[in-house]
C-alpha atoms as a PDB file:
ATOM      1  CA  MET A   1      -0.011  -0.005   0.118  1.00  0.00           C
ATOM      2  CA  GLY A   2       1.286   3.495  -0.896  1.00  0.00           C
ATOM      3  CA  LEU A   3       0.676   6.347   1.374  1.00  0.00           C
ATOM      4  CA  GLY A   4       1.026   9.848   0.076  1.00  0.00           C
ATOM      5  CA  GLY A   5       0.431  11.795   3.318  1.00  0.00           C
ATOM      6  CA  ARG A   6      -2.383  14.041   4.227  1.00  0.00           C
ATOM      7  CA  CYS A   7      -3.828  15.708   1.208  1.00  0.00           C
ATOM      8  CA  GLY A   8      -3.034  19.253   2.280  1.00  0.00           C
ATOM      9  CA  ALA A   9       0.600  18.153   2.993  1.00  0.00           C
ATOM     10  CA  CYS A  10       1.146  16.703  -0.334  1.00  0.00           C
ATOM     11  CA  LEU A  11       0.369  20.155  -1.895  1.00  0.00           C
ATOM     12  CA  ARG A  12       2.070  22.117   0.871  1.00  0.00           C
ATOM     13  CA  LEU A  13       4.813  23.367  -1.414  1.00  0.00           C
ATOM     14  CA  LEU A  14       2.262  25.537  -3.216  1.00  0.00           C
ATOM     15  CA  VAL A  15       2.523  27.843  -0.377  1.00  0.00           C
ATOM     16  CA  LEU A  16       6.317  28.367  -1.101  1.00  0.00           C
ATOM     17  CA  THR A  17       5.599  29.425  -4.654  1.00  0.00           C
ATOM     18  CA  ALA A  18       2.261  31.213  -4.268  1.00  0.00           C
ATOM     19  CA  ALA A  19       4.188  34.295  -3.696  1.00  0.00           C
ATOM     20  CA  MET A  20       5.588  34.426  -7.162  1.00  0.00           C
ATOM     21  CA  ALA A  21       2.023  34.371  -8.552  1.00  0.00           C
ATOM     22  CA  ARG A  22      -0.715  37.100  -8.395  1.00  0.00           C
ATOM     23  CA  ALA A  23      -3.269  35.246  -6.225  1.00  0.00           C
ATOM     24  CA  ASP A  24      -6.075  37.681  -7.266  1.00  0.00           C
ATOM     25  CA  VAL A  25      -5.938  36.434 -10.863  1.00  0.00           C
ATOM     26  CA  LEU A  26      -6.346  32.827 -10.193  1.00  0.00           C
ATOM     27  CA  PRO A  27      -8.576  31.870  -7.032  1.00  0.00           C
ATOM     28  CA  PRO A  28      -6.798  29.399  -4.640  1.00  0.00           C
ATOM     29  CA  LEU A  29      -9.553  26.777  -5.155  1.00  0.00           C
ATOM     30  CA  ASP A  30      -8.931  26.806  -8.777  1.00  0.00           C
ATOM     31  CA  ALA A  31      -5.052  26.703  -8.247  1.00  0.00           C
ATOM     32  CA  GLN A  32      -5.639  23.525  -6.094  1.00  0.00           C
ATOM     33  CA  ARG A  33      -7.815  21.875  -8.658  1.00  0.00           C
ATOM     34  CA  LEU A  34      -5.015  22.749 -11.294  1.00  0.00           C
ATOM     35  CA  ALA A  35      -2.426  20.938  -9.131  1.00  0.00           C
ATOM     36  CA  ARG A  36      -4.407  17.964  -8.201  1.00  0.00           C
ATOM     37  CA  GLY A  37      -5.324  17.315 -11.908  1.00  0.00           C
ATOM     38  CA  ILE A  38      -1.826  17.318 -12.869  1.00  0.00           C
ATOM     39  CA  PHE A  39      -1.071  15.242  -9.762  1.00  0.00           C
ATOM     40  CA  GLN A  40      -3.510  12.772 -10.964  1.00  0.00           C
ATOM     41  CA  GLU A  41      -2.165  12.653 -14.325  1.00  0.00           C
ATOM     42  CA  LEU A  42       1.302  11.950 -13.106  1.00  0.00           C
ATOM     43  CA  ILE A  43       0.428   9.343 -10.849  1.00  0.00           C
ATOM     44  CA  GLU A  44      -1.480   7.305 -13.438  1.00  0.00           C
ATOM     45  CA  ILE A  45       1.570   7.139 -15.742  1.00  0.00           C
ATOM     46  CA  ASN A  46       3.592   4.103 -15.029  1.00  0.00           C
ATOM     47  CA  THR A  47       7.228   5.519 -14.764  1.00  0.00           C
ATOM     48  CA  THR A  48       8.810   2.540 -13.231  1.00  0.00           C
ATOM     49  CA  ASP A  49      12.211   1.497 -14.903  1.00  0.00           C
ATOM     50  CA  SER A  50      10.991  -2.014 -15.778  1.00  0.00           C
ATOM     51  CA  ALA A  51       7.649  -1.456 -17.433  1.00  0.00           C
ATOM     52  CA  GLY A  52       6.925   2.305 -17.401  1.00  0.00           C
ATOM     53  CA  SER A  53       8.320   5.502 -19.221  1.00  0.00           C
ATOM     54  CA  THR A  54       9.195   8.842 -18.007  1.00  0.00           C
ATOM     55  CA  THR A  55       9.139  10.035 -21.556  1.00  0.00           C
ATOM     56  CA  VAL A  56       5.133   9.618 -21.411  1.00  0.00           C
ATOM     57  CA  ALA A  57       5.015  11.620 -18.215  1.00  0.00           C
ATOM     58  CA  ALA A  58       7.596  14.370 -19.695  1.00  0.00           C
ATOM     59  CA  GLU A  59       5.498  14.697 -22.836  1.00  0.00           C
ATOM     60  CA  ALA A  60       2.121  15.003 -20.880  1.00  0.00           C
ATOM     61  CA  MET A  61       3.609  17.924 -18.702  1.00  0.00           C
ATOM     62  CA  ALA A  62       5.056  19.517 -21.779  1.00  0.00           C
ATOM     63  CA  ALA A  63       1.655  19.471 -23.425  1.00  0.00           C
ATOM     64  CA  ARG A  64       0.308  21.123 -20.301  1.00  0.00           C
ATOM     65  CA  LEU A  65       2.791  23.927 -20.674  1.00  0.00           C
ATOM     66  CA  LYS A  66       2.416  24.480 -24.334  1.00  0.00           C
ATOM     67  CA  THR A  67      -1.351  24.757 -23.860  1.00  0.00           C
ATOM     68  CA  ALA A  68      -0.810  27.451 -21.014  1.00  0.00           C
ATOM     69  CA  GLY A  69       1.313  29.428 -23.657  1.00  0.00           C
ATOM     70  CA  PHE A  70       4.708  28.439 -23.344  1.00  0.00           C
ATOM     71  CA  ALA A  71       6.731  28.797 -26.771  1.00  0.00           C
ATOM     72  CA  PRO A  72       8.058  25.510 -28.169  1.00  0.00           C
ATOM     73  CA  GLN A  73      11.540  26.624 -27.782  1.00  0.00           C
ATOM     74  CA  ASP A  74      11.041  26.915 -23.949  1.00  0.00           C
ATOM     75  CA  VAL A  75       9.766  23.246 -23.675  1.00  0.00           C
ATOM     76  CA  ALA A  76      12.661  20.818 -24.279  1.00  0.00           C
ATOM     77  CA  LEU A  77      11.886  17.174 -24.371  1.00  0.00           C
ATOM     78  CA  LEU A  78      15.320  15.505 -24.007  1.00  0.00           C
ATOM     79  CA  THR A  79      16.086  11.645 -24.320  1.00  0.00           C
ATOM     80  CA  PRO A  80      19.287   9.795 -24.176  1.00  0.00           C
ATOM     81  CA  ASP A  81      20.190   7.840 -27.254  1.00  0.00           C
ATOM     82  CA  GLY A  82      19.275   4.300 -27.095  1.00  0.00           C
ATOM     83  CA  ALA A  83      16.887   4.970 -24.021  1.00  0.00           C
ATOM     84  CA  PRO A  84      13.512   6.159 -25.556  1.00  0.00           C
ATOM     85  CA  LYS A  85      11.705   5.544 -22.268  1.00  0.00           C
ATOM     86  CA  ARG A  86      14.105   7.624 -20.264  1.00  0.00           C
ATOM     87  CA  GLY A  87      12.861  11.091 -21.331  1.00  0.00           C
ATOM     88  CA  ASN A  88      13.413  14.424 -19.320  1.00  0.00           C
ATOM     89  CA  LEU A  89      11.697  17.746 -19.516  1.00  0.00           C
ATOM     90  CA  VAL A  90      13.320  21.117 -19.180  1.00  0.00           C
ATOM     91  CA  ALA A  91      11.018  24.166 -19.359  1.00  0.00           C
ATOM     92  CA  ARG A  92      11.773  27.774 -18.988  1.00  0.00           C
ATOM     93  CA  LEU A  93       9.621  30.740 -17.863  1.00  0.00           C
ATOM     94  CA  ARG A  94      11.416  33.811 -19.096  1.00  0.00           C
ATOM     95  CA  GLY A  95      11.845  36.628 -16.776  1.00  0.00           C
ATOM     96  CA  THR A  96      13.436  40.158 -17.235  1.00  0.00           C
ATOM     97  CA  GLY A  97      17.034  39.017 -16.654  1.00  0.00           C
ATOM     98  CA  GLU A  98      17.882  41.147 -13.698  1.00  0.00           C
ATOM     99  CA  ALA A  99      18.766  38.202 -11.833  1.00  0.00           C
ATOM    100  CA  LYS A 100      20.304  34.798 -12.566  1.00  0.00           C
ATOM    101  CA  PRO A 101      17.733  31.884 -13.052  1.00  0.00           C
ATOM    102  CA  ILE A 102      16.318  29.626 -10.361  1.00  0.00           C
ATOM    103  CA  LEU A 103      16.068  25.661 -11.093  1.00  0.00           C
ATOM    104  CA  LEU A 104      13.010  23.857  -9.927  1.00  0.00           C
ATOM    105  CA  LEU A 105      13.985  20.096  -9.867  1.00  0.00           C
ATOM    106  CA  ALA A 106      11.920  16.839  -9.605  1.00  0.00           C
ATOM    107  CA  HIS A 107      12.260  13.327 -10.782  1.00  0.00           C
ATOM    108  CA  LEU A 108       9.452  11.499 -12.651  1.00  0.00           C
ATOM    109  CA  ASP A 109      10.598   8.051 -11.901  1.00  0.00           C
ATOM    110  CA  VAL A 110       9.268   5.773  -9.321  1.00  0.00           C
ATOM    111  CA  VAL A 111      10.321   2.504  -7.634  1.00  0.00           C
ATOM    112  CA  GLU A 112       8.745  -0.778  -8.676  1.00  0.00           C
ATOM    113  CA  ALA A 113       5.407  -1.345  -7.413  1.00  0.00           C
ATOM    114  CA  ARG A 114       3.919  -4.949  -7.624  1.00  0.00           C
ATOM    115  CA  PRO A 115      -0.018  -4.884  -7.538  1.00  0.00           C
ATOM    116  CA  GLU A 116       0.009  -7.972  -5.193  1.00  0.00           C
ATOM    117  CA  ASP A 117       1.951  -5.792  -2.467  1.00  0.00           C
ATOM    118  CA  TRP A 118      -0.630  -3.197  -2.620  1.00  0.00           C
ATOM    119  CA  SER A 119      -4.100  -2.891  -1.146  1.00  0.00           C
ATOM    120  CA  VAL A 120      -5.007  -0.474  -3.871  1.00  0.00           C
ATOM    121  CA  ALA A 121      -4.002  -0.144  -7.596  1.00  0.00           C
ATOM    122  CA  PRO A 122      -0.664   1.571  -7.560  1.00  0.00           C
ATOM    123  CA  PHE A 123      -1.140   3.447 -10.605  1.00  0.00           C
ATOM    124  CA  GLN A 124      -4.686   4.716 -10.015  1.00  0.00           C
ATOM    125  CA  PHE A 125      -4.814   7.887  -8.129  1.00  0.00           C
ATOM    126  CA  LEU A 126      -7.140   7.455  -5.144  1.00  0.00           C
ATOM    127  CA  GLU A 127      -8.136   9.955  -2.271  1.00  0.00           C
ATOM    128  CA  ARG A 128      -9.565   8.261   0.813  1.00  0.00           C
ATOM    129  CA  ASP A 129     -10.074   9.363   4.234  1.00  0.00           C
ATOM    130  CA  GLY A 130      -7.947  12.537   3.935  1.00  0.00           C
ATOM    131  CA  TYR A 131      -4.983  10.659   2.095  1.00  0.00           C
ATOM    132  CA  PHE A 132      -3.781  10.268  -1.352  1.00  0.00           C
ATOM    133  CA  TYR A 133      -2.665   6.797  -2.544  1.00  0.00           C
ATOM    134  CA  GLY A 134      -0.645   5.850  -5.603  1.00  0.00           C
ATOM    135  CA  ARG A 135       2.863   5.127  -6.369  1.00  0.00           C
ATOM    136  CA  GLY A 136       4.889   8.427  -6.371  1.00  0.00           C
ATOM    137  CA  THR A 137       2.384  10.437  -4.411  1.00  0.00           C
ATOM    138  CA  SER A 138       5.154  11.536  -1.952  1.00  0.00           C
ATOM    139  CA  ASP A 139       8.266  10.698  -3.944  1.00  0.00           C
ATOM    140  CA  ASP A 140       8.295  12.597  -6.200  1.00  0.00           C
ATOM    141  CA  LYS A 141       5.358  13.208  -8.203  1.00  0.00           C
ATOM    142  CA  SER A 142       3.792  15.723  -5.847  1.00  0.00           C
ATOM    143  CA  MET A 143       6.673  18.045  -6.393  1.00  0.00           C
ATOM    144  CA  ALA A 144       6.745  17.582 -10.140  1.00  0.00           C
ATOM    145  CA  ALA A 145       2.951  18.451 -10.095  1.00  0.00           C
ATOM    146  CA  ILE A 146       3.372  21.431  -7.894  1.00  0.00           C
ATOM    147  CA  TRP A 147       6.282  22.735 -10.061  1.00  0.00           C
ATOM    148  CA  THR A 148       4.212  22.360 -13.347  1.00  0.00           C
ATOM    149  CA  ALA A 149       0.956  23.765 -11.686  1.00  0.00           C
ATOM    150  CA  THR A 150       3.080  26.783 -10.814  1.00  0.00           C
ATOM    151  CA  LEU A 151       4.541  27.493 -14.167  1.00  0.00           C
ATOM    152  CA  VAL A 152       1.264  26.976 -15.773  1.00  0.00           C
ATOM    153  CA  ARG A 153      -0.364  29.658 -13.283  1.00  0.00           C
ATOM    154  CA  LEU A 154       2.390  32.081 -13.698  1.00  0.00           C
ATOM    155  CA  LYS A 155       2.234  31.946 -17.491  1.00  0.00           C
ATOM    156  CA  ARG A 156      -1.529  32.122 -17.690  1.00  0.00           C
ATOM    157  CA  GLU A 157      -1.368  35.231 -15.384  1.00  0.00           C
ATOM    158  CA  GLY A 158       1.022  36.985 -17.441  1.00  0.00           C
ATOM    159  CA  PHE A 159       3.688  37.062 -14.451  1.00  0.00           C
ATOM    160  CA  ARG A 160       7.196  37.921 -15.380  1.00  0.00           C
ATOM    161  CA  PRO A 161       9.857  37.520 -12.754  1.00  0.00           C
ATOM    162  CA  GLN A 162      12.944  39.202 -12.278  1.00  0.00           C
ATOM    163  CA  ARG A 163      14.873  35.938 -13.107  1.00  0.00           C
ATOM    164  CA  ASP A 164      14.075  33.041 -15.438  1.00  0.00           C
ATOM    165  CA  ILE A 165      12.430  30.158 -13.706  1.00  0.00           C
ATOM    166  CA  ILE A 166      13.750  26.777 -15.084  1.00  0.00           C
ATOM    167  CA  MET A 167      11.845  23.526 -14.404  1.00  0.00           C
ATOM    168  CA  ALA A 168      13.690  20.150 -14.854  1.00  0.00           C
ATOM    169  CA  LEU A 169      11.617  17.042 -14.504  1.00  0.00           C
ATOM    170  CA  THR A 170      14.143  14.141 -14.824  1.00  0.00           C
ATOM    171  CA  ALA A 171      14.232  10.469 -15.684  1.00  0.00           C
ATOM    172  CA  GLY A 172      16.237   9.242 -12.959  1.00  0.00           C
ATOM    173  CA  GLU A 173      16.966  10.274  -9.229  1.00  0.00           C
ATOM    174  CA  GLU A 174      20.033   8.796  -8.363  1.00  0.00           C
ATOM    175  CA  SER A 175      21.401   6.049 -10.191  1.00  0.00           C
ATOM    176  CA  GLY A 176      21.645   4.381 -13.833  1.00  0.00           C
ATOM    177  CA  LYS A 177      23.553   5.086 -16.756  1.00  0.00           C
ATOM    178  CA  ASP A 178      20.831   7.389 -17.956  1.00  0.00           C
ATOM    179  CA  ASN A 179      20.354   9.175 -14.677  1.00  0.00           C
ATOM    180  CA  GLY A 180      18.223  12.241 -15.320  1.00  0.00           C
ATOM    181  CA  VAL A 181      20.375  15.033 -13.632  1.00  0.00           C
ATOM    182  CA  ASP A 182      23.846  13.599 -14.490  1.00  0.00           C
ATOM    183  CA  TRP A 183      22.971  12.983 -18.138  1.00  0.00           C
ATOM    184  CA  LEU A 184      21.272  16.569 -18.501  1.00  0.00           C
ATOM    185  CA  VAL A 185      24.367  18.199 -16.839  1.00  0.00           C
ATOM    186  CA  THR A 186      26.586  16.453 -19.142  1.00  0.00           C
ATOM    187  CA  LYS A 187      24.907  16.890 -22.305  1.00  0.00           C
ATOM    188  CA  HIS A 188      22.729  20.016 -21.765  1.00  0.00           C
ATOM    189  CA  ARG A 189      24.315  22.040 -19.064  1.00  0.00           C
ATOM    190  CA  ASP A 190      23.463  25.289 -20.820  1.00  0.00           C
ATOM    191  CA  LEU A 191      19.738  24.635 -20.117  1.00  0.00           C
ATOM    192  CA  LEU A 192      20.099  24.067 -16.526  1.00  0.00           C
ATOM    193  CA  ASN A 193      22.521  27.012 -15.531  1.00  0.00           C
ATOM    194  CA  ALA A 194      20.968  28.605 -12.454  1.00  0.00           C
ATOM    195  CA  GLU A 195      22.070  30.494  -9.350  1.00  0.00           C
ATOM    196  CA  PHE A 196      20.369  28.048  -7.070  1.00  0.00           C
ATOM    197  CA  CYS A 197      18.033  24.888  -7.173  1.00  0.00           C
ATOM    198  CA  LEU A 198      14.919  23.968  -5.255  1.00  0.00           C
ATOM    199  CA  ASN A 199      14.714  20.133  -5.030  1.00  0.00           C
ATOM    200  CA  GLU A 200      12.848  17.589  -2.973  1.00  0.00           C
ATOM    201  CA  GLY A 201      13.731  17.413   0.838  1.00  0.00           C
ATOM    202  CA  GLY A 202      12.411  19.289   3.890  1.00  0.00           C
ATOM    203  CA  ASP A 203       8.982  18.803   5.246  1.00  0.00           C
ATOM    204  CA  GLY A 204       5.828  20.441   6.331  1.00  0.00           C
ATOM    205  CA  HIS A 205       3.189  20.129   8.809  1.00  0.00           C
ATOM    206  CA  LEU A 206      -0.576  20.999   9.102  1.00  0.00           C
ATOM    207  CA  LYS A 207      -2.899  21.066  11.984  1.00  0.00           C
ATOM    208  CA  ASN A 208      -6.528  21.448  11.669  1.00  0.00           C
ATOM    209  CA  GLY A 209      -6.047  22.942   8.312  1.00  0.00           C
ATOM    210  CA  ARG A 210      -3.560  25.538   9.583  1.00  0.00           C
ATOM    211  CA  ARG A 211      -0.044  25.362   8.317  1.00  0.00           C
ATOM    212  CA  LEU A 212       2.541  25.298  11.126  1.00  0.00           C
ATOM    213  CA  LEU A 213       5.769  24.519   9.405  1.00  0.00           C
ATOM    214  CA  ASN A 214       7.503  24.547   5.987  1.00  0.00           C
ATOM    215  CA  GLY A 215      10.794  22.954   6.678  1.00  0.00           C
ATOM    216  CA  VAL A 216      13.958  23.487   4.350  1.00  0.00           C
ATOM    217  CA  GLN A 217      16.415  20.840   3.929  1.00  0.00           C
ATOM    218  CA  ALA A 218      19.982  22.385   3.217  1.00  0.00           C
ATOM    219  CA  ALA A 219      21.876  19.064   2.581  1.00  0.00           C
ATOM    220  CA  GLU A 220      21.352  15.408   1.742  1.00  0.00           C
ATOM    221  CA  LYS A 221      22.894  12.275   3.628  1.00  0.00           C
ATOM    222  CA  ILE A 222      25.434  10.324   1.577  1.00  0.00           C
ATOM    223  CA  TYR A 223      26.940   7.021   1.881  1.00  0.00           C
ATOM    224  CA  VAL A 224      30.230   6.151   3.663  1.00  0.00           C
ATOM    225  CA  SER A 225      32.391   3.249   3.308  1.00  0.00           C
ATOM    226  CA  PHE A 226      34.408   1.509   6.194  1.00  0.00           C
ATOM    227  CA  ALA A 227      37.369  -0.849   6.014  1.00  0.00           C
ATOM    228  CA  VAL A 228      37.137  -3.103   9.040  1.00  0.00           C
ATOM    229  CA  GLU A 229      40.140  -5.490   9.658  1.00  0.00           C
ATOM    230  CA  VAL A 230      40.589  -8.394  12.133  1.00  0.00           C
ATOM    231  CA  ARG A 231      44.134 -10.111  12.428  1.00  0.00           C
ATOM    232  CA  ASN A 232      44.800 -13.539  14.085  1.00  0.00           C
ATOM    233  CA  ARG A 233      47.003 -16.496  13.487  1.00  0.00           C
ATOM    234  CA  GLY A 234      44.986 -17.868  10.542  1.00  0.00           C
ATOM    235  CA  GLY A 235      44.382 -21.284   9.551  1.00  0.00           C
ATOM    236  CA  HIS A 236      41.995 -23.356   7.219  1.00  0.00           C
ATOM    237  CA  SER A 237      38.193 -23.325   7.181  1.00  0.00           C
ATOM    238  CA  SER A 238      38.038 -27.245   7.486  1.00  0.00           C
ATOM    239  CA  GLN A 239      39.553 -26.868  11.009  1.00  0.00           C
ATOM    240  CA  PRO A 240      38.036 -23.669  12.380  1.00  0.00           C
ATOM    241  CA  ARG A 241      39.423 -22.444  15.900  1.00  0.00           C
ATOM    242  CA  PRO A 242      37.680 -20.438  18.707  1.00  0.00           C
ATOM    243  CA  ASP A 243      39.709 -17.394  17.568  1.00  0.00           C
ATOM    244  CA  ASN A 244      38.255 -17.490  14.197  1.00  0.00           C
ATOM    245  CA  ALA A 245      38.745 -14.014  12.450  1.00  0.00           C
ATOM    246  CA  ILE A 246      35.203 -13.949  11.091  1.00  0.00           C
ATOM    247  CA  TYR A 247      33.580 -14.714  14.621  1.00  0.00           C
ATOM    248  CA  GLN A 248      35.936 -11.929  16.133  1.00  0.00           C
ATOM    249  CA  LEU A 249      34.758  -9.505  13.318  1.00  0.00           C
ATOM    250  CA  ALA A 250      31.108 -10.167  14.123  1.00  0.00           C
ATOM    251  CA  ALA A 251      31.507  -9.962  17.735  1.00  0.00           C
ATOM    252  CA  ARG A 252      33.426  -6.502  17.925  1.00  0.00           C
ATOM    253  CA  HIS A 253      32.348  -3.070  17.308  1.00  0.00           C
ATOM    254  CA  PRO A 254      33.102  -2.380  13.532  1.00  0.00           C
ATOM    255  CA  TRP A 255      34.571   0.985  14.082  1.00  0.00           C
ATOM    256  CA  LYS A 256      37.589  -0.501  16.008  1.00  0.00           C
ATOM    257  CA  ARG A 257      40.529  -2.689  14.894  1.00  0.00           C
ATOM    258  CA  TRP A 258      41.190  -5.928  16.949  1.00  0.00           C
ATOM    259  CA  SER A 259      44.083  -8.094  16.863  1.00  0.00           C
ATOM    260  CA  LEU A 260      45.213 -11.114  18.912  1.00  0.00           C
ATOM    261  CA  ASP A 261      47.382  -8.642  21.162  1.00  0.00           C
ATOM    262  CA  GLN A 262      44.081  -7.114  22.327  1.00  0.00           C
ATOM    263  CA  GLN A 263      42.397 -10.134  23.483  1.00  0.00           C
END
C-alpha cells in the first residue's frame, strides 16, 4: 500500500511558490484543482524502470505547458540515445533577466510497485480518508505536479519574474547510466545553469487545516564506506578454531580494529 500523506501536506509546496503568482488572478480553489489534476495525471502514468516510461510523463507535462502558452523553444523534451523511455523535460519561464535563473527540480521515475503488494491499484490515483494513494504520491510526483502547476499559473497570469524560472523533470533520481540529472548536466548544461536549485527534501506540517511549518533541507545524506580489519593466526576453514577471524569481526564493534594482542 502506498501512502501519500495528508492531502494538504502533499500540496504544501504551493505555499512556497504562491508568492510568485498574483493570487487575485487565479482563486486558490482553482489553483488547487489545477495542481490536483496534474498530480493525478502523473500518478496514473507508470514511470517504473521495468515497465514504465518517464518519456510519457514528460510529454504530458510538456503538453500542459504549451497549452498554457509556453513557446515550443522553451519546452525541451530530452531523451538519451538508445533509451527512448528515459525522457526528461526542461522548461523555462522567461523573466526580465535582472537576476540569474532559479532551477526547480523533481524526478519523474518511481520505484517498482507490484500490485500484489498493494491494497489499492498502485497506478490509480485515489483519495481516501484524507490521504492520497498511488505510487509516487510522495516521492516525487507531488513536487513535479506542484512545479508544473506553478509554471502554468504564472504563464496564464502573465507574470514576468526578475529571473528566468527553469523546471527540470528528470528520468532518474540517483543512479543508472541514463540518470536524469547527471545526463542533463553532461549533455545539456546550458539549459540548467542557475543561481540555485530547489529540490525535494524538507518537510511540512498541518494541524486542523493550519500551516504550522514549512521546513527547508539544506543538505542530503550520503553513503560512507568503512574498511574493517581483524588479524589472528590464520588457519584453514576445514579446521576452524575459537579465535576465528570472522567470529571476532562479528562480535566486535566495526569501528575498532582488533588483533590477538588485544584479546
